[in-house]
Amino acid sequence: MRPFEGIRIIDITHVLAGPFAAYQLALLGADVIKVEHPDDPDQSRDSGPDLALNRAGMGSYFITQASNKRSITLDLKTEGGREVLRRLLATADVLVENFRPGAFEALGLGYEAVAKLNPRLIYCSISAFGHGGPRGVQTAYDHVIQATSGIMAATGTPEVNPIKFGAPAIDYATGTMGAFALSAALFQRERTGRGQHIDLAMLDVALMMQASHVAAFLRNGKGAKPSGNKHAHASNSAYQTKDGLVMLGASNLRQQKRLWTALGRPEMAKTDNEARLADRDHEEAVLTEIMLTRTADEWEAFLQSKHVPAARVRRMEETLADPHVATRGVVHYFPEGAPGVPGPFGVPVAAFKLAHGGPQVDRPPPVMGADTDAVLAELGYAPGDIAALRAQKAI
C-alpha cells in the first residue's frame, strides 16, 4: 500500500509548480483529478520544444507532471461547473489551486466557503507572493521570482551577472515544498480531524533555497556575490582539464588534505579554513596547472578512488545515459507511447525510494477531459445530466 492511497486530490493548477505538487502525491497513490477550463487548458499543454506535442495539447511541460492523474473539464464561471466542483470537494481530501489570490473567493470557492462544505478539506493555495502583503496581488513565473528573490543576482560570474537558472528550479522546488506541506497537513488532520489552509508562496520558497545566504546577510549585511564555478576554497571549484571541466569537491579539511596528498603536494594542505582562504589564489594557480595534465574522466576516476569528491561536468544527455541513473528508478518510460503522445517517451518520477509502497507511475498523462464523464458518473450525474452540462458549456 502506498502512503496516499484513499486520498482524493482536486488539482486546479496550471504550469509547473502546482501540478508538480499534486503529481508527487499521485505517484504515492493519491487519486488526483485535474480540472481544466474546457476552452482554456493548462498552458503547459502548449509548452515545450516538441511543437507537435504542443499542438496536440500534450506538451512536454505538461506530461512531465501529469501521469497518474485523471482529467476533467469544468467552467467555474458557470453555476453548473461550480456545482460539480462543490460535489467533488465534498468527496475530496485536498484541493490544490494556484490562481491569483482572490480569484477563488470571487467565485464563492475560497477557503472559508469550502471549509463549511467539507471541514476536513486541506486547501492549498500556491501563488507568487502569498495571500496578503504589499505584493499579494502581483503575479509571476519562475524566472520573475528568480529576479525578485535575489537568486539571479547571486548567479553568474563576477563579469557576467545576473544570470537566470538553466532550469525552472523555483517552480519544481515550490512543487516539492507543496507536497511536503500537503503531507504535513494530512498528517496533522489524522490527529485533529480538522482541515487546513496552506498559503505557499514561490518567493518564500526561493528564499529557502538561499537559506545560508539569507542567514549570512542577516548576520553581516553582505549579500552573496556571483562567483561562477569558483568556491571560497580553491579545492572546491571547477578547473579545465585536457578535454573539459572537472568540478572538485574537496570541501572540508579532511578532503582537502586527501586531495593534496593524492596530487603529490601534501605541503599544500592546511590545518584550518582561514589558512585556506588566505592562500586561495596560490592554491588555484597550482590546481590550474595540475588539472591540465589529465582528462576530466581520468581525474574523476582517480580522485574518487582517493575518496575525494570530483566529477566531470556533464550535459543532460550524458547524465541520463549514465547506467547509475537507471538503477535509481528516477525516470519512467512509456515505450509504446500513450494517447496523444505517439512514440516512446519518458517522465521523471520522484527523487527518493521507499523500501515498500514507493512512488510509481501507473497510468500515462491524460488527454484533456478524458475522464470527465466517468468522474461525473461517480458523483451521481446521470447521462442526461452530463449531456445538459455539456450543452451549457459547463464541461
Protein backbone atom coordinates (compact mmCIF):
# COMPACT_ATOMS: atom_id res chain seq x y z
CA MET A 1 0.00 0.00 0.00
CA ARG A 2 1.32 3.42 -0.94
CA PRO A 3 1.18 6.31 1.55
CA PHE A 4 -1.65 8.30 -0.04
CA GLU A 5 -3.93 5.55 -1.31
CA GLY A 6 -7.51 6.52 -0.50
CA ILE A 7 -6.71 10.24 -0.58
CA ARG A 8 -8.54 12.27 -3.25
CA ILE A 9 -6.90 15.46 -4.54
CA ILE A 10 -8.63 18.04 -6.72
CA ASP A 11 -5.88 19.65 -8.79
CA ILE A 12 -6.94 23.03 -10.21
CA THR A 13 -3.46 24.22 -11.06
CA HIS A 14 -1.55 25.20 -14.16
CA VAL A 15 2.01 25.49 -15.49
CA LEU A 16 4.61 23.70 -13.29
CA ALA A 17 4.68 24.31 -9.53
CA GLY A 18 1.09 23.39 -8.63
CA PRO A 19 0.82 20.42 -10.97
CA PHE A 20 4.15 19.06 -9.69
CA ALA A 21 2.95 19.19 -6.06
CA ALA A 22 -0.14 17.13 -6.91
CA TYR A 23 1.93 14.81 -9.11
CA GLN A 24 4.22 13.84 -6.26
CA LEU A 25 1.24 12.66 -4.21
CA ALA A 26 -0.27 10.93 -7.24
CA LEU A 27 2.91 8.87 -7.54
CA LEU A 28 2.35 7.80 -3.96
CA GLY A 29 -1.17 6.53 -4.60
CA ALA A 30 -3.47 9.55 -4.33
CA ASP A 31 -6.45 9.81 -6.69
CA VAL A 32 -5.67 13.13 -8.37
CA ILE A 33 -8.39 14.69 -10.52
CA LYS A 34 -7.05 17.50 -12.68
CA VAL A 35 -9.58 20.22 -13.51
CA GLU A 36 -9.17 22.47 -16.56
CA HIS A 37 -11.39 25.01 -18.29
CA PRO A 38 -12.85 23.41 -21.45
CA ASP A 39 -11.69 26.33 -23.62
CA ASP A 40 -8.60 27.43 -21.69
CA PRO A 41 -6.46 24.42 -20.76
CA ASP A 42 -3.37 24.37 -18.57
CA GLN A 43 -0.84 26.42 -20.54
CA SER A 44 1.77 23.72 -20.00
CA ARG A 45 -0.16 21.59 -22.52
CA ASP A 46 1.10 24.02 -25.17
CA SER A 47 4.65 24.33 -23.80
CA GLY A 48 7.87 22.56 -24.62
CA PRO A 49 10.32 22.08 -27.50
CA ASP A 50 8.19 19.43 -29.30
CA LEU A 51 5.76 21.56 -31.34
CA ALA A 52 3.73 18.54 -32.48
CA LEU A 53 3.02 17.64 -28.86
CA ASN A 54 2.13 21.25 -28.11
CA ARG A 55 -0.40 21.28 -30.93
CA ALA A 56 -1.89 18.05 -29.57
CA GLY A 57 -2.26 19.60 -26.11
CA MET A 58 0.30 17.19 -24.66
CA GLY A 59 3.38 19.41 -24.45
CA SER A 60 6.43 18.07 -22.64
CA TYR A 61 5.96 20.60 -19.83
CA PHE A 62 2.52 19.04 -19.23
CA ILE A 63 3.40 15.37 -19.48
CA THR A 64 6.28 15.91 -17.05
CA GLN A 65 3.87 16.02 -14.11
CA ALA A 66 0.57 14.57 -15.37
CA SER A 67 0.95 10.79 -15.05
CA ASN A 68 -1.40 9.02 -12.61
CA LYS A 69 -3.92 11.88 -12.86
CA ARG A 70 -7.46 11.85 -14.20
CA SER A 71 -8.58 14.80 -16.32
CA ILE A 72 -11.92 16.59 -16.33
CA THR A 73 -13.07 19.93 -17.73
CA LEU A 74 -15.15 22.47 -15.80
CA ASP A 75 -16.00 26.09 -16.49
CA LEU A 76 -16.09 27.50 -12.98
CA LYS A 77 -17.69 30.71 -14.22
CA THR A 78 -20.88 28.73 -14.80
CA GLU A 79 -23.14 27.65 -11.95
CA GLY A 80 -23.18 24.13 -13.36
CA GLY A 81 -19.39 23.96 -13.26
CA ARG A 82 -19.22 25.32 -9.73
CA GLU A 83 -21.84 22.84 -8.56
CA VAL A 84 -19.83 19.95 -9.99
CA LEU A 85 -16.76 21.23 -8.16
CA ARG A 86 -18.67 21.59 -4.89
CA ARG A 87 -19.83 17.99 -5.19
CA LEU A 88 -16.27 16.92 -5.95
CA LEU A 89 -14.89 18.82 -2.96
CA ALA A 90 -17.40 17.16 -0.68
CA THR A 91 -15.71 13.86 -1.57
CA ALA A 92 -12.14 15.18 -1.50
CA ASP A 93 -9.30 15.35 1.00
CA VAL A 94 -7.25 18.03 -0.74
CA LEU A 95 -7.77 20.98 -3.09
CA VAL A 96 -4.70 22.48 -4.74
CA GLU A 97 -5.08 25.74 -6.65
CA ASN A 98 -2.55 28.25 -7.93
CA PHE A 99 -4.60 31.08 -9.35
CA ARG A 100 -4.27 34.75 -8.50
CA PRO A 101 -5.12 35.42 -4.83
CA GLY A 102 -8.78 36.36 -4.59
CA ALA A 103 -9.84 34.57 -7.77
CA PHE A 104 -11.43 31.61 -5.99
CA GLU A 105 -13.01 33.83 -3.36
CA ALA A 106 -14.69 35.77 -6.16
CA LEU A 107 -16.24 32.51 -7.37
CA GLY A 108 -17.53 31.67 -3.91
CA LEU A 109 -14.93 28.91 -3.66
CA GLY A 110 -12.49 30.43 -1.17
CA TYR A 111 -11.26 28.51 1.85
CA GLU A 112 -13.90 29.77 4.28
CA ALA A 113 -16.75 28.83 1.96
CA VAL A 114 -15.30 25.42 1.07
CA ALA A 115 -14.43 24.59 4.68
CA LYS A 116 -18.15 24.88 5.56
CA LEU A 117 -18.84 22.30 2.87
CA ASN A 118 -16.04 19.96 3.95
CA PRO A 119 -14.36 20.85 7.28
CA ARG A 120 -11.73 18.12 6.79
CA LEU A 121 -10.51 19.51 3.47
CA ILE A 122 -6.86 20.52 3.07
CA TYR A 123 -6.98 23.65 0.88
CA CYS A 124 -3.58 24.52 -0.63
CA SER A 125 -3.18 27.91 -2.31
CA ILE A 126 0.03 28.35 -4.28
CA SER A 127 0.86 31.83 -5.58
CA ALA A 128 3.79 34.03 -6.50
CA PHE A 129 3.93 36.15 -3.35
CA GLY A 130 1.36 34.65 -1.00
CA HIS A 131 -2.04 35.83 0.17
CA GLY A 132 -1.83 39.31 1.67
CA GLY A 133 1.11 41.69 1.93
CA PRO A 134 2.05 44.52 -0.44
CA ARG A 135 2.84 42.14 -3.32
CA GLY A 136 -0.02 39.71 -2.74
CA VAL A 137 -1.96 40.84 -5.81
CA GLN A 138 1.05 40.56 -8.12
CA THR A 139 1.66 37.60 -10.40
CA ALA A 140 4.89 35.95 -11.56
CA TYR A 141 6.54 32.93 -13.10
CA ASP A 142 9.70 31.08 -12.10
CA HIS A 143 12.09 33.48 -13.82
CA VAL A 144 10.30 36.54 -12.42
CA ILE A 145 10.66 35.12 -8.91
CA GLN A 146 14.32 34.44 -9.63
CA ALA A 147 14.69 38.14 -10.43
CA THR A 148 12.69 39.25 -7.38
CA SER A 149 14.29 36.97 -4.81
CA GLY A 150 17.96 37.88 -5.27
CA ILE A 151 18.84 34.44 -6.58
CA MET A 152 19.63 35.77 -10.07
CA ALA A 153 21.91 38.45 -8.65
CA ALA A 154 23.99 35.74 -6.96
CA THR A 155 24.20 33.62 -10.13
CA GLY A 156 26.77 34.03 -12.90
CA THR A 157 30.37 35.17 -12.85
CA PRO A 158 31.76 38.41 -11.44
CA GLU A 159 31.96 39.63 -15.05
CA VAL A 160 28.62 38.26 -16.33
CA ASN A 161 25.65 38.53 -13.99
CA PRO A 162 22.81 38.33 -13.09
CA ILE A 163 22.05 35.00 -14.77
CA LYS A 164 18.81 33.02 -14.71
CA PHE A 165 18.99 29.34 -13.79
CA GLY A 166 19.04 26.99 -16.77
CA ALA A 167 16.06 25.05 -15.35
CA PRO A 168 12.81 26.27 -13.71
CA ALA A 169 14.16 25.27 -10.32
CA ILE A 170 11.90 27.62 -8.32
CA ASP A 171 8.81 26.01 -9.85
CA TYR A 172 9.90 22.49 -9.01
CA ALA A 173 11.14 23.50 -5.56
CA THR A 174 7.74 25.09 -4.92
CA GLY A 175 6.01 21.91 -6.07
CA THR A 176 8.22 19.84 -3.80
CA MET A 177 7.57 22.18 -0.87
CA GLY A 178 3.87 21.97 -1.69
CA ALA A 179 3.97 18.18 -1.50
CA PHE A 180 5.73 18.48 1.87
CA ALA A 181 3.14 20.97 3.16
CA LEU A 182 0.27 18.74 2.00
CA SER A 183 1.84 15.71 3.66
CA ALA A 184 2.24 17.65 6.90
CA ALA A 185 -1.35 18.91 6.80
CA LEU A 186 -2.73 15.44 6.10
CA PHE A 187 -0.72 14.01 8.98
CA GLN A 188 -1.95 16.81 11.25
CA ARG A 189 -5.55 16.06 10.24
CA GLU A 190 -5.11 12.48 11.38
CA ARG A 191 -4.58 13.86 14.89
CA THR A 192 -7.02 16.78 14.93
CA GLY A 193 -9.72 15.80 12.43
CA ARG A 194 -9.59 19.37 11.10
CA GLY A 195 -8.79 20.63 7.63
CA GLN A 196 -6.18 23.27 6.91
CA HIS A 197 -5.43 26.21 4.62
CA ILE A 198 -1.90 26.21 3.20
CA ASP A 199 -0.60 29.55 1.91
CA LEU A 200 2.50 28.72 -0.18
CA ALA A 201 4.43 31.47 -1.96
CA MET A 202 7.08 30.99 -4.63
CA LEU A 203 9.06 33.93 -3.25
CA ASP A 204 9.23 32.27 0.16
CA VAL A 205 10.48 29.07 -1.46
CA ALA A 206 13.15 31.00 -3.37
CA LEU A 207 14.36 32.45 -0.08
CA MET A 208 14.51 28.97 1.48
CA MET A 209 16.64 27.88 -1.50
CA GLN A 210 19.10 30.57 -0.43
CA ALA A 211 18.80 29.86 3.28
CA SER A 212 22.52 30.06 4.09
CA HIS A 213 22.87 33.25 2.04
CA VAL A 214 19.90 34.77 3.89
CA ALA A 215 21.35 33.87 7.28
CA ALA A 216 24.76 35.25 6.31
CA PHE A 217 23.26 38.55 5.15
CA LEU A 218 21.21 38.90 8.32
CA ARG A 219 24.42 38.47 10.29
CA ASN A 220 26.89 40.64 8.38
CA GLY A 221 24.77 42.69 5.98
CA LYS A 222 26.63 41.44 2.93
CA GLY A 223 24.74 39.86 0.04
CA ALA A 224 26.03 36.83 -1.82
CA LYS A 225 28.14 37.68 -4.87
CA PRO A 226 28.16 35.72 -8.14
CA SER A 227 31.24 33.52 -8.18
CA GLY A 228 30.68 31.39 -11.27
CA ASN A 229 32.34 28.00 -10.96
CA LYS A 230 34.57 29.12 -8.13
CA HIS A 231 34.06 28.50 -4.43
CA ALA A 232 35.60 30.30 -1.47
CA HIS A 233 38.03 27.36 -1.28
CA ALA A 234 40.16 26.63 -4.33
CA SER A 235 39.95 22.88 -3.74
CA ASN A 236 36.16 23.12 -4.08
CA SER A 237 35.97 24.67 -7.53
CA ALA A 238 35.95 23.80 -11.26
CA TYR A 239 39.06 23.50 -13.42
CA GLN A 240 39.88 22.99 -17.05
CA THR A 241 41.41 19.62 -17.89
CA LYS A 242 42.80 18.21 -21.14
CA ASP A 243 39.31 17.88 -22.57
CA GLY A 244 36.74 19.64 -20.39
CA LEU A 245 35.84 20.81 -16.92
CA VAL A 246 36.14 18.85 -13.71
CA MET A 247 34.42 20.01 -10.56
CA LEU A 248 36.42 19.37 -7.41
CA GLY A 249 34.55 18.93 -4.16
CA ALA A 250 37.32 18.79 -1.57
CA SER A 251 35.22 20.84 0.78
CA ASN A 252 36.20 20.03 4.32
CA LEU A 253 39.65 19.89 5.85
CA ARG A 254 39.95 16.12 5.65
CA GLN A 255 39.03 16.10 1.96
CA GLN A 256 41.41 18.90 1.02
CA LYS A 257 44.21 17.02 2.80
CA ARG A 258 43.38 13.87 0.81
CA LEU A 259 43.31 15.91 -2.40
CA TRP A 260 46.72 17.48 -1.91
CA THR A 261 48.18 14.15 -0.83
CA ALA A 262 46.76 12.40 -3.91
CA LEU A 263 48.22 15.14 -6.11
CA GLY A 264 51.67 14.70 -4.58
CA ARG A 265 51.58 18.11 -2.88
CA PRO A 266 50.95 17.30 0.81
CA GLU A 267 52.66 20.51 1.84
CA MET A 268 49.72 22.46 0.37
CA ALA A 269 47.25 21.03 2.90
CA LYS A 270 46.02 23.47 5.54
CA THR A 271 45.06 22.86 9.14
CA ASP A 272 42.22 25.42 9.26
CA ASN A 273 39.85 27.09 6.83
CA GLU A 274 41.15 30.60 7.41
CA ALA A 275 44.53 29.46 6.07
CA ARG A 276 42.78 28.06 3.01
CA LEU A 277 41.10 31.40 2.39
CA ALA A 278 44.35 33.29 2.82
CA ASP A 279 46.19 31.02 0.34
CA ARG A 280 43.34 30.71 -2.14
CA ASP A 281 44.99 32.39 -5.13
CA HIS A 282 48.12 30.30 -4.74
CA GLU A 283 46.12 27.08 -4.41
CA GLU A 284 44.09 27.94 -7.51
CA ALA A 285 47.24 28.55 -9.56
CA VAL A 286 48.70 25.19 -8.52
CA LEU A 287 45.48 23.31 -9.21
CA THR A 288 45.01 25.04 -12.57
CA GLU A 289 48.37 23.71 -13.73
CA ILE A 290 47.94 20.19 -12.32
CA MET A 291 44.41 19.66 -13.65
CA LEU A 292 45.60 20.20 -17.24
CA THR A 293 47.68 17.02 -17.07
CA ARG A 294 44.75 14.56 -17.35
CA THR A 295 41.31 14.32 -18.89
CA ALA A 296 38.21 15.10 -16.85
CA ASP A 297 37.18 11.43 -16.80
CA GLU A 298 40.65 10.41 -15.63
CA TRP A 299 40.56 12.96 -12.82
CA GLU A 300 37.09 11.87 -11.75
CA ALA A 301 38.08 8.21 -11.56
CA PHE A 302 41.39 8.91 -9.85
CA LEU A 303 40.12 11.34 -7.24
CA GLN A 304 37.01 9.33 -6.42
CA SER A 305 39.29 6.34 -5.81
CA LYS A 306 41.05 8.50 -3.22
CA HIS A 307 37.72 9.46 -1.60
CA VAL A 308 37.88 13.00 -2.93
CA PRO A 309 34.56 14.24 -4.38
CA ALA A 310 35.05 15.13 -8.05
CA ALA A 311 33.05 14.91 -11.25
CA ARG A 312 33.38 15.70 -14.92
CA VAL A 313 30.89 18.40 -15.91
CA ARG A 314 28.28 16.57 -17.98
CA ARG A 315 25.46 17.52 -20.32
CA MET A 316 21.91 16.30 -19.69
CA GLU A 317 22.11 13.58 -22.34
CA GLU A 318 25.24 12.18 -20.72
CA THR A 319 23.65 12.14 -17.28
CA LEU A 320 20.53 10.33 -18.45
CA ALA A 321 22.71 7.78 -20.26
CA ASP A 322 24.67 7.05 -17.07
CA PRO A 323 23.94 3.42 -16.06
CA HIS A 324 23.69 4.56 -12.47
CA VAL A 325 20.60 6.65 -13.21
CA ALA A 326 18.82 3.55 -14.49
CA THR A 327 19.37 1.86 -11.13
CA ARG A 328 17.60 4.68 -9.28
CA GLY A 329 14.20 4.39 -10.97
CA VAL A 330 14.02 8.16 -11.24
CA VAL A 331 12.61 8.01 -14.79
CA HIS A 332 9.58 6.07 -16.04
CA TYR A 333 9.46 5.11 -19.71
CA PHE A 334 6.41 4.63 -21.93
CA PRO A 335 7.97 2.54 -24.72
CA GLU A 336 4.75 2.32 -26.72
CA GLY A 337 3.70 5.94 -26.30
CA ALA A 338 0.30 6.93 -24.91
CA PRO A 339 -2.95 8.58 -26.07
CA GLY A 340 -1.99 11.96 -27.52
CA VAL A 341 1.73 11.13 -27.41
CA PRO A 342 2.76 8.93 -30.33
CA GLY A 343 6.05 7.11 -29.90
CA PRO A 344 8.13 6.36 -26.82
CA PHE A 345 8.75 8.92 -24.12
CA GLY A 346 9.81 9.10 -20.50
CA VAL A 347 8.97 11.24 -17.48
CA PRO A 348 10.67 11.97 -14.15
CA VAL A 349 9.19 10.19 -11.13
CA ALA A 350 10.38 11.10 -7.61
CA ALA A 351 13.74 11.79 -6.01
CA PHE A 352 13.53 9.04 -3.42
CA LYS A 353 12.81 5.35 -2.98
CA LEU A 354 10.83 3.58 -0.28
CA ALA A 355 11.51 0.02 0.83
CA HIS A 356 7.84 -0.74 0.11
CA GLY A 357 4.89 1.19 -1.29
CA GLY A 358 7.09 3.76 -3.01
CA PRO A 359 6.37 6.23 -5.82
CA GLN A 360 5.45 4.73 -9.18
CA VAL A 361 3.69 5.61 -12.43
CA ASP A 362 0.51 3.62 -13.02
CA ARG A 363 -1.10 5.44 -15.94
CA PRO A 364 0.06 7.88 -18.62
CA PRO A 365 -0.66 11.60 -18.74
CA PRO A 366 -4.32 12.12 -19.72
CA VAL A 367 -5.62 13.89 -22.76
CA MET A 368 -7.76 16.84 -21.79
CA GLY A 369 -11.15 15.87 -20.39
CA ALA A 370 -10.54 12.15 -20.82
CA ASP A 371 -12.25 11.31 -17.51
CA THR A 372 -14.99 13.94 -17.33
CA ASP A 373 -17.92 11.59 -17.90
CA ALA A 374 -16.54 8.88 -15.62
CA VAL A 375 -15.89 11.26 -12.72
CA LEU A 376 -19.31 12.91 -13.05
CA ALA A 377 -20.94 9.47 -13.07
CA GLU A 378 -19.11 8.69 -9.82
CA LEU A 379 -20.68 11.84 -8.36
CA GLY A 380 -24.15 10.60 -9.30
CA TYR A 381 -24.71 12.53 -12.51
CA ALA A 382 -26.90 10.61 -14.96
CA PRO A 383 -26.09 10.59 -18.70
CA GLY A 384 -28.81 13.17 -19.28
CA ASP A 385 -27.37 15.45 -16.61
CA ILE A 386 -23.92 15.21 -18.18
CA ALA A 387 -25.36 16.00 -21.60
CA ALA A 388 -27.11 19.05 -20.15
CA LEU A 389 -23.88 20.29 -18.55
CA ARG A 390 -22.14 19.85 -21.88
CA ALA A 391 -24.90 21.79 -23.67
CA GLN A 392 -24.46 24.60 -21.11
CA LYS A 393 -20.71 24.53 -21.79
CA ALA A 394 -20.14 23.94 -18.11
CA ILE A 395 -17.92 20.97 -19.03
